N, C-alpha and C. Protein backbone atom coordinates (compact mmCIF):
# COMPACT_ATOMS: atom_id res chain seq x y z
N MET A 1 0.87 -1.14 -0.06
CA MET A 1 -0.05 0.02 0.09
C MET A 1 0.92 1.22 0.01
N THR A 2 0.57 2.17 -0.85
CA THR A 2 1.34 3.45 -0.80
C THR A 2 0.49 4.54 -0.34
N GLY A 3 1.02 5.60 0.03
CA GLY A 3 0.37 6.82 0.60
C GLY A 3 1.29 7.92 0.74
N PHE A 4 0.82 9.11 0.76
CA PHE A 4 1.58 10.28 0.88
C PHE A 4 2.18 10.36 2.32
N VAL A 5 3.41 10.67 2.52
CA VAL A 5 4.00 10.77 3.81
C VAL A 5 3.85 12.26 4.37
N PRO A 6 3.26 12.34 5.66
CA PRO A 6 3.28 13.72 6.23
C PRO A 6 4.72 14.35 6.42
N SER A 7 4.86 15.64 6.12
CA SER A 7 6.16 16.20 6.30
C SER A 7 6.86 16.07 7.61
N THR A 8 6.07 15.91 8.58
CA THR A 8 6.63 15.77 10.00
C THR A 8 7.40 14.44 10.09
N GLU A 9 7.00 13.45 9.21
CA GLU A 9 7.71 12.13 9.18
C GLU A 9 8.96 12.14 8.24
N PHE A 10 8.94 13.00 7.23
CA PHE A 10 10.17 12.89 6.33
C PHE A 10 11.15 13.98 6.49
N VAL A 11 10.74 15.04 7.33
CA VAL A 11 11.70 16.07 7.57
C VAL A 11 12.98 15.73 8.12
N ALA A 12 13.02 14.67 8.97
CA ALA A 12 14.31 14.09 9.49
C ALA A 12 15.31 13.71 8.33
N PHE A 13 14.84 13.36 7.19
CA PHE A 13 15.63 12.91 6.12
C PHE A 13 16.12 14.09 5.25
N VAL A 14 15.79 15.28 5.47
CA VAL A 14 16.00 16.37 4.69
C VAL A 14 17.16 17.19 5.19
N GLN A 15 18.15 17.53 4.37
CA GLN A 15 19.23 18.42 4.55
C GLN A 15 19.15 19.65 3.69
N GLY A 16 19.64 20.80 4.15
CA GLY A 16 19.71 22.00 3.31
C GLY A 16 18.54 22.82 3.26
N LEU A 17 17.67 22.65 4.26
CA LEU A 17 16.45 23.60 4.33
C LEU A 17 16.90 25.01 4.62
N ILE A 18 16.23 25.96 3.97
CA ILE A 18 16.50 27.50 4.20
C ILE A 18 15.62 27.84 5.27
N SER A 19 14.29 27.44 5.31
CA SER A 19 13.45 27.82 6.37
C SER A 19 12.27 26.84 6.47
N ALA A 20 12.46 25.94 7.46
CA ALA A 20 11.41 24.85 7.62
C ALA A 20 10.04 25.50 7.73
N LYS A 21 9.89 26.66 8.35
CA LYS A 21 8.59 27.28 8.58
C LYS A 21 7.94 27.63 7.30
N LYS A 22 8.78 28.09 6.28
CA LYS A 22 8.13 28.52 5.09
C LYS A 22 8.18 27.43 3.94
N GLN A 23 8.92 26.46 4.15
CA GLN A 23 9.06 25.31 3.14
C GLN A 23 8.21 24.08 3.35
N LEU A 24 7.86 23.88 4.63
CA LEU A 24 7.11 22.55 4.92
C LEU A 24 5.58 22.77 4.88
N GLY A 25 4.98 22.02 4.03
CA GLY A 25 3.43 21.92 4.02
C GLY A 25 3.07 20.68 4.84
N SER A 26 1.83 20.45 4.82
CA SER A 26 1.29 19.20 5.46
C SER A 26 1.90 17.93 4.95
N PHE A 27 1.88 17.78 3.62
CA PHE A 27 2.40 16.62 2.91
C PHE A 27 3.45 16.97 1.84
N SER A 28 4.12 18.10 1.91
CA SER A 28 4.95 18.61 0.94
C SER A 28 6.11 19.37 1.43
N LEU A 29 7.14 19.59 0.60
CA LEU A 29 8.26 20.35 0.92
C LEU A 29 8.55 21.22 -0.30
N ASP A 30 8.60 22.57 -0.07
CA ASP A 30 9.04 23.52 -1.12
C ASP A 30 10.58 23.38 -1.34
N LEU A 31 11.02 23.16 -2.57
CA LEU A 31 12.42 23.02 -2.92
C LEU A 31 12.90 24.38 -3.47
N THR A 32 14.11 24.71 -3.01
CA THR A 32 14.72 26.05 -3.44
C THR A 32 15.94 25.85 -4.35
N VAL A 33 16.07 26.77 -5.30
CA VAL A 33 17.06 26.69 -6.37
C VAL A 33 18.41 27.01 -5.83
N SER A 34 19.35 26.11 -6.10
CA SER A 34 20.73 26.40 -5.68
C SER A 34 21.64 26.78 -6.87
N SER A 35 21.32 26.20 -8.11
CA SER A 35 22.06 26.60 -9.25
C SER A 35 21.31 26.52 -10.54
N VAL A 36 21.63 27.31 -11.50
CA VAL A 36 20.99 27.22 -12.86
C VAL A 36 22.13 27.20 -13.92
N SER A 37 21.90 26.21 -14.80
CA SER A 37 22.79 26.04 -15.95
C SER A 37 22.09 26.11 -17.15
N MET A 38 22.63 26.70 -18.23
CA MET A 38 22.13 26.82 -19.56
C MET A 38 22.51 25.65 -20.36
N VAL A 39 21.51 25.03 -21.08
CA VAL A 39 21.89 23.89 -22.02
C VAL A 39 22.45 24.54 -23.19
N ARG A 40 23.66 24.17 -23.53
CA ARG A 40 24.46 24.69 -24.72
C ARG A 40 24.28 23.77 -25.91
N SER A 41 24.21 22.47 -25.78
CA SER A 41 23.95 21.59 -26.91
C SER A 41 23.43 20.30 -26.22
N GLY A 42 22.75 19.53 -27.06
CA GLY A 42 22.10 18.32 -26.62
C GLY A 42 23.15 17.24 -26.49
N GLY A 43 22.68 16.18 -25.77
CA GLY A 43 23.59 15.06 -25.51
C GLY A 43 23.14 14.05 -26.61
N SER A 44 23.45 12.68 -26.20
CA SER A 44 23.13 11.55 -27.10
C SER A 44 22.70 10.38 -26.25
N LEU A 45 21.72 9.59 -26.70
CA LEU A 45 21.33 8.40 -26.02
C LEU A 45 21.35 7.22 -26.95
N ASP A 46 21.71 6.00 -26.43
CA ASP A 46 21.66 4.82 -27.19
C ASP A 46 21.14 3.79 -26.25
N PHE A 47 20.88 2.57 -26.80
CA PHE A 47 20.32 1.44 -25.96
C PHE A 47 21.26 0.94 -24.92
N GLY A 48 22.47 0.83 -25.37
CA GLY A 48 23.49 0.04 -24.49
C GLY A 48 24.11 1.03 -23.54
N GLY A 49 24.24 2.32 -23.91
CA GLY A 49 24.88 3.24 -22.96
C GLY A 49 26.28 3.69 -23.33
N SER A 50 26.87 2.80 -24.36
CA SER A 50 28.27 3.15 -24.69
C SER A 50 28.33 4.45 -25.58
N GLU A 51 27.27 4.96 -26.15
CA GLU A 51 27.32 6.31 -26.84
C GLU A 51 26.64 7.32 -26.13
N TYR A 52 26.27 7.12 -24.82
CA TYR A 52 25.53 8.14 -24.04
C TYR A 52 26.50 9.30 -23.74
N ARG A 53 25.85 10.41 -23.88
CA ARG A 53 26.63 11.67 -23.68
C ARG A 53 25.66 12.67 -23.07
N GLN A 54 26.07 13.33 -21.86
CA GLN A 54 25.21 14.35 -21.29
C GLN A 54 25.19 15.61 -22.24
N ALA A 55 24.10 16.39 -22.02
CA ALA A 55 24.10 17.66 -22.65
C ALA A 55 25.11 18.57 -22.24
N ALA A 56 25.66 19.36 -23.11
CA ALA A 56 26.68 20.46 -22.65
C ALA A 56 26.11 21.45 -21.95
N LYS A 57 26.53 21.90 -20.87
CA LYS A 57 25.78 23.04 -20.10
C LYS A 57 26.85 23.99 -19.57
N GLU A 58 26.31 25.18 -19.21
CA GLU A 58 27.17 26.27 -18.75
C GLU A 58 26.51 26.67 -17.59
N LEU A 59 27.29 26.72 -16.39
CA LEU A 59 26.74 27.24 -15.08
C LEU A 59 26.60 28.63 -15.08
N LEU A 60 25.34 29.17 -14.76
CA LEU A 60 25.16 30.60 -14.77
C LEU A 60 25.31 31.15 -13.33
N HIS A 61 25.75 32.38 -13.23
CA HIS A 61 26.01 32.96 -11.99
C HIS A 61 25.02 34.06 -11.69
N PRO A 62 24.47 34.07 -10.44
CA PRO A 62 23.46 35.12 -10.21
C PRO A 62 24.08 36.52 -9.99
N VAL A 63 23.36 37.49 -10.36
CA VAL A 63 23.92 38.93 -10.29
C VAL A 63 23.11 39.65 -9.27
N LYS A 64 23.89 40.39 -8.29
CA LYS A 64 23.24 41.20 -7.37
C LYS A 64 22.86 42.52 -8.06
N ASN A 65 21.77 43.13 -7.60
CA ASN A 65 21.30 44.38 -8.13
C ASN A 65 22.08 45.45 -7.45
N THR A 66 22.52 45.35 -6.26
CA THR A 66 23.36 46.29 -5.40
C THR A 66 24.37 45.40 -4.74
N ARG A 67 25.41 46.04 -4.31
CA ARG A 67 26.47 45.34 -3.56
C ARG A 67 25.98 44.92 -2.13
N GLU A 68 25.03 45.66 -1.53
CA GLU A 68 24.57 45.42 -0.30
C GLU A 68 23.51 44.25 -0.26
N GLU A 69 23.00 43.98 -1.36
CA GLU A 69 21.98 42.86 -1.52
C GLU A 69 22.66 41.45 -1.19
N PRO A 70 22.06 40.65 -0.27
CA PRO A 70 22.68 39.40 0.18
C PRO A 70 22.56 38.43 -1.00
N TYR A 71 21.52 38.47 -1.78
CA TYR A 71 21.38 37.39 -2.86
C TYR A 71 21.26 38.05 -4.20
N GLY A 72 21.70 37.30 -5.19
CA GLY A 72 21.61 37.71 -6.59
C GLY A 72 20.44 37.07 -7.33
N TRP A 73 20.32 37.44 -8.58
CA TRP A 73 19.19 37.15 -9.44
C TRP A 73 19.84 36.32 -10.65
N TRP A 74 19.16 35.31 -11.17
CA TRP A 74 19.34 34.92 -12.49
C TRP A 74 18.25 35.48 -13.39
N LYS A 75 18.77 36.14 -14.36
CA LYS A 75 17.74 36.74 -15.35
C LYS A 75 17.72 35.91 -16.60
N LEU A 76 16.69 34.99 -16.63
CA LEU A 76 16.75 33.96 -17.69
C LEU A 76 15.88 34.46 -18.94
N GLU A 77 16.50 34.31 -20.10
CA GLU A 77 15.75 34.48 -21.32
C GLU A 77 14.93 33.28 -21.60
N PRO A 78 14.02 33.42 -22.62
CA PRO A 78 13.20 32.28 -22.94
C PRO A 78 14.07 31.11 -23.36
N GLY A 79 13.82 29.88 -22.98
CA GLY A 79 14.70 28.70 -23.27
C GLY A 79 14.59 27.64 -22.27
N THR A 80 15.62 26.76 -22.32
CA THR A 80 15.61 25.63 -21.44
C THR A 80 16.84 25.68 -20.59
N TYR A 81 16.68 25.33 -19.36
CA TYR A 81 17.80 25.44 -18.35
C TYR A 81 17.75 24.20 -17.43
N LEU A 82 18.83 23.87 -16.81
CA LEU A 82 18.81 22.86 -15.78
C LEU A 82 18.96 23.45 -14.36
N ILE A 83 18.16 23.04 -13.39
CA ILE A 83 18.20 23.54 -12.08
C ILE A 83 18.55 22.45 -11.11
N ARG A 84 19.21 22.81 -10.08
CA ARG A 84 19.61 21.90 -8.98
C ARG A 84 19.03 22.58 -7.61
N PHE A 85 18.79 21.80 -6.66
CA PHE A 85 18.19 22.25 -5.46
C PHE A 85 19.14 22.30 -4.27
N ASN A 86 18.83 23.17 -3.30
CA ASN A 86 19.60 23.19 -2.02
C ASN A 86 19.21 22.07 -1.19
N GLU A 87 18.07 21.58 -1.17
CA GLU A 87 17.62 20.48 -0.40
C GLU A 87 18.16 19.07 -0.85
N LYS A 88 18.51 18.17 0.10
CA LYS A 88 18.80 16.85 -0.15
C LYS A 88 17.87 16.02 0.66
N ILE A 89 17.37 14.86 0.02
CA ILE A 89 16.42 14.05 0.79
C ILE A 89 17.03 12.52 0.55
N HIS A 90 17.27 11.90 1.71
CA HIS A 90 17.87 10.54 1.67
C HIS A 90 16.92 9.72 2.63
N PRO A 91 15.84 9.21 2.12
CA PRO A 91 14.92 8.43 3.06
C PRO A 91 15.67 7.09 3.48
N SER A 92 15.32 6.72 4.63
CA SER A 92 15.87 5.44 5.30
C SER A 92 15.03 4.26 4.72
N ASN A 93 13.73 4.51 4.39
CA ASN A 93 12.88 3.45 3.87
C ASN A 93 12.63 3.70 2.36
N PRO A 94 12.23 2.66 1.60
CA PRO A 94 11.88 2.88 0.22
C PRO A 94 10.77 3.80 0.05
N MET A 95 11.04 5.03 -0.63
CA MET A 95 10.01 5.97 -0.92
C MET A 95 10.32 6.57 -2.26
N LEU A 96 9.22 7.12 -2.88
CA LEU A 96 9.31 7.81 -4.12
C LEU A 96 9.14 9.37 -3.83
N ILE A 97 9.95 10.21 -4.38
CA ILE A 97 9.95 11.60 -4.23
C ILE A 97 9.47 12.20 -5.63
N MET A 98 8.25 12.84 -5.61
CA MET A 98 7.71 13.53 -6.81
C MET A 98 8.07 14.89 -6.70
N ILE A 99 8.82 15.40 -7.64
CA ILE A 99 9.16 16.87 -7.81
C ILE A 99 8.23 17.56 -8.79
N LEU A 100 7.46 18.45 -8.24
CA LEU A 100 6.43 19.08 -9.07
C LEU A 100 6.76 20.63 -9.23
N PRO A 101 6.36 21.16 -10.31
CA PRO A 101 6.63 22.69 -10.38
C PRO A 101 5.73 23.42 -9.33
N HIS A 102 6.35 24.39 -8.64
CA HIS A 102 5.69 25.23 -7.67
C HIS A 102 4.60 26.07 -8.40
N ASP A 103 3.54 26.26 -7.69
CA ASP A 103 2.47 27.18 -8.30
C ASP A 103 2.92 28.49 -8.69
N ARG A 104 3.94 28.98 -7.89
CA ARG A 104 4.46 30.32 -8.25
C ARG A 104 5.23 30.33 -9.58
N LEU A 105 6.01 29.23 -9.73
CA LEU A 105 6.75 29.09 -10.96
C LEU A 105 5.79 29.23 -12.21
N LEU A 106 4.75 28.35 -12.04
CA LEU A 106 3.76 28.47 -13.17
C LEU A 106 3.17 29.75 -13.44
N ALA A 107 2.80 30.44 -12.35
CA ALA A 107 2.24 31.76 -12.56
C ALA A 107 3.16 32.86 -13.01
N ALA A 108 4.54 32.55 -12.91
CA ALA A 108 5.53 33.51 -13.38
C ALA A 108 5.92 33.24 -14.81
N GLY A 109 5.33 32.17 -15.48
CA GLY A 109 5.58 31.96 -16.86
C GLY A 109 6.58 31.04 -17.16
N ALA A 110 6.82 30.02 -16.29
CA ALA A 110 7.77 28.97 -16.55
C ALA A 110 7.32 27.70 -15.85
N SER A 111 7.97 26.52 -16.24
CA SER A 111 7.50 25.29 -15.80
C SER A 111 8.68 24.27 -15.89
N HIS A 112 8.42 23.21 -15.29
CA HIS A 112 9.22 21.93 -15.50
C HIS A 112 8.31 20.78 -15.36
N SER A 113 8.85 19.69 -16.04
CA SER A 113 8.02 18.43 -15.97
C SER A 113 8.12 17.88 -14.61
N PRO A 114 7.05 17.13 -14.20
CA PRO A 114 7.12 16.41 -12.95
C PRO A 114 8.17 15.34 -13.13
N THR A 115 8.87 15.16 -11.95
CA THR A 115 9.98 14.19 -11.94
C THR A 115 9.89 13.34 -10.72
N VAL A 116 10.13 12.05 -10.85
CA VAL A 116 10.08 11.04 -9.69
C VAL A 116 11.51 10.52 -9.59
N VAL A 117 12.00 10.57 -8.39
CA VAL A 117 13.35 10.03 -7.98
C VAL A 117 13.14 9.24 -6.61
N GLU A 118 14.16 8.37 -6.35
CA GLU A 118 14.18 7.65 -5.09
C GLU A 118 14.88 8.43 -3.99
N ARG A 119 15.71 9.26 -4.44
CA ARG A 119 16.50 10.12 -3.41
C ARG A 119 16.75 11.46 -4.20
N LEU A 120 16.82 12.49 -3.40
CA LEU A 120 17.18 13.84 -3.96
C LEU A 120 18.48 14.17 -3.54
N ASP A 121 19.50 14.22 -4.41
CA ASP A 121 20.74 14.70 -4.05
C ASP A 121 21.38 15.62 -5.13
N GLU A 122 22.71 15.80 -5.09
CA GLU A 122 23.32 16.89 -6.07
C GLU A 122 23.28 16.36 -7.47
N GLN A 123 22.98 15.15 -7.72
CA GLN A 123 22.94 14.61 -9.15
C GLN A 123 21.59 14.82 -9.78
N VAL A 124 20.59 15.20 -8.98
CA VAL A 124 19.26 15.35 -9.51
C VAL A 124 19.14 16.84 -10.19
N THR A 125 18.75 16.87 -11.41
CA THR A 125 18.51 18.14 -12.06
C THR A 125 17.02 18.06 -12.69
N VAL A 126 16.51 19.18 -12.80
CA VAL A 126 15.20 19.34 -13.42
C VAL A 126 15.23 20.31 -14.53
N LEU A 127 14.59 19.88 -15.71
CA LEU A 127 14.73 20.68 -16.87
C LEU A 127 13.67 21.82 -16.86
N LEU A 128 14.17 23.07 -16.74
CA LEU A 128 13.26 24.32 -16.48
C LEU A 128 12.93 24.83 -17.93
N HIS A 129 11.81 25.06 -18.22
CA HIS A 129 11.34 25.70 -19.46
C HIS A 129 10.82 27.11 -19.15
N VAL A 130 11.47 28.10 -19.75
CA VAL A 130 11.26 29.61 -19.42
C VAL A 130 10.38 30.10 -20.65
N GLY A 131 9.21 30.56 -20.46
CA GLY A 131 8.34 31.04 -21.43
C GLY A 131 8.84 32.34 -22.14
N SER A 132 8.14 32.74 -23.11
CA SER A 132 8.49 33.83 -23.94
C SER A 132 8.83 35.12 -23.28
N GLY A 133 8.25 35.46 -22.05
CA GLY A 133 8.44 36.52 -21.33
C GLY A 133 9.73 36.66 -20.43
N GLY A 134 10.46 35.48 -20.50
CA GLY A 134 11.68 35.39 -19.61
C GLY A 134 11.30 35.20 -18.12
N LEU A 135 12.26 35.13 -17.34
CA LEU A 135 12.02 34.89 -15.86
C LEU A 135 13.19 35.34 -15.03
N ALA A 136 12.97 36.03 -14.01
CA ALA A 136 13.91 36.38 -12.98
C ALA A 136 13.78 35.48 -11.78
N VAL A 137 14.88 34.89 -11.38
CA VAL A 137 14.84 33.88 -10.17
C VAL A 137 15.91 34.32 -9.23
N LYS A 138 15.51 34.65 -8.03
CA LYS A 138 16.44 34.93 -6.94
C LYS A 138 17.04 33.81 -6.31
N GLU A 139 18.25 33.87 -5.94
CA GLU A 139 18.95 32.80 -5.20
C GLU A 139 18.08 32.33 -4.10
N ASN A 140 17.95 30.99 -3.93
CA ASN A 140 17.27 30.33 -2.82
C ASN A 140 15.60 30.48 -3.07
N ALA A 141 15.20 30.92 -4.21
CA ALA A 141 13.75 30.99 -4.43
C ALA A 141 13.10 29.66 -4.49
N ARG A 142 11.77 29.55 -3.93
CA ARG A 142 11.17 28.32 -3.91
C ARG A 142 10.56 28.11 -5.40
N ILE A 143 11.09 27.05 -5.96
CA ILE A 143 10.82 26.81 -7.35
C ILE A 143 9.98 25.62 -7.68
N SER A 144 10.14 24.59 -6.67
CA SER A 144 9.45 23.25 -7.00
C SER A 144 8.90 22.91 -5.64
N ARG A 145 8.18 21.80 -5.72
CA ARG A 145 7.52 21.19 -4.46
C ARG A 145 7.75 19.68 -4.62
N ALA A 146 8.16 19.07 -3.46
CA ALA A 146 8.37 17.68 -3.43
C ALA A 146 7.20 17.13 -2.51
N VAL A 147 6.76 15.96 -3.03
CA VAL A 147 5.73 15.18 -2.30
C VAL A 147 6.33 13.79 -2.25
N ILE A 148 6.22 13.17 -1.08
CA ILE A 148 6.86 11.88 -0.81
C ILE A 148 5.78 10.76 -0.69
N SER A 149 5.99 9.67 -1.36
CA SER A 149 5.10 8.55 -1.26
C SER A 149 5.79 7.30 -0.71
N SER A 150 5.21 6.74 0.31
CA SER A 150 5.73 5.50 0.93
C SER A 150 5.43 4.36 0.03
N LEU A 151 6.46 3.40 -0.04
CA LEU A 151 6.25 2.25 -0.85
C LEU A 151 5.84 0.93 -0.09
N HIS A 152 5.39 1.21 1.24
CA HIS A 152 4.92 0.05 2.02
C HIS A 152 3.75 0.45 2.81
């Protein structure tokens, strides 16, 4: 039997929270952006993996509007980007972590496909699609939402 896990039960497996008060919902965790990379050219896939190649990417650096500002902004043009999260989730029991676009991301004119992983670590990236109006993203912005499902 599967079911959604209350955040009070999985918060012990989460590292890198910016603010538990703002990020934790009853059954969800808001994920914050730690890095943004631009996709420069596509990779390649084959059946056996001997010809697999990751997409070429360039790490983008946020820019502060003023020197006094503690956090900078990524000013993204329309296109496709890869994002990584500050939060890491390493469950002790088998669980599925569903990463969904935050409702604020959708309202700001961007999105990413839902992604399912067994653990959220520095290897997990989400493909961000920025619409025709572009998108400004501040460091540590809540950009996605994680919902965890138990497998037993």
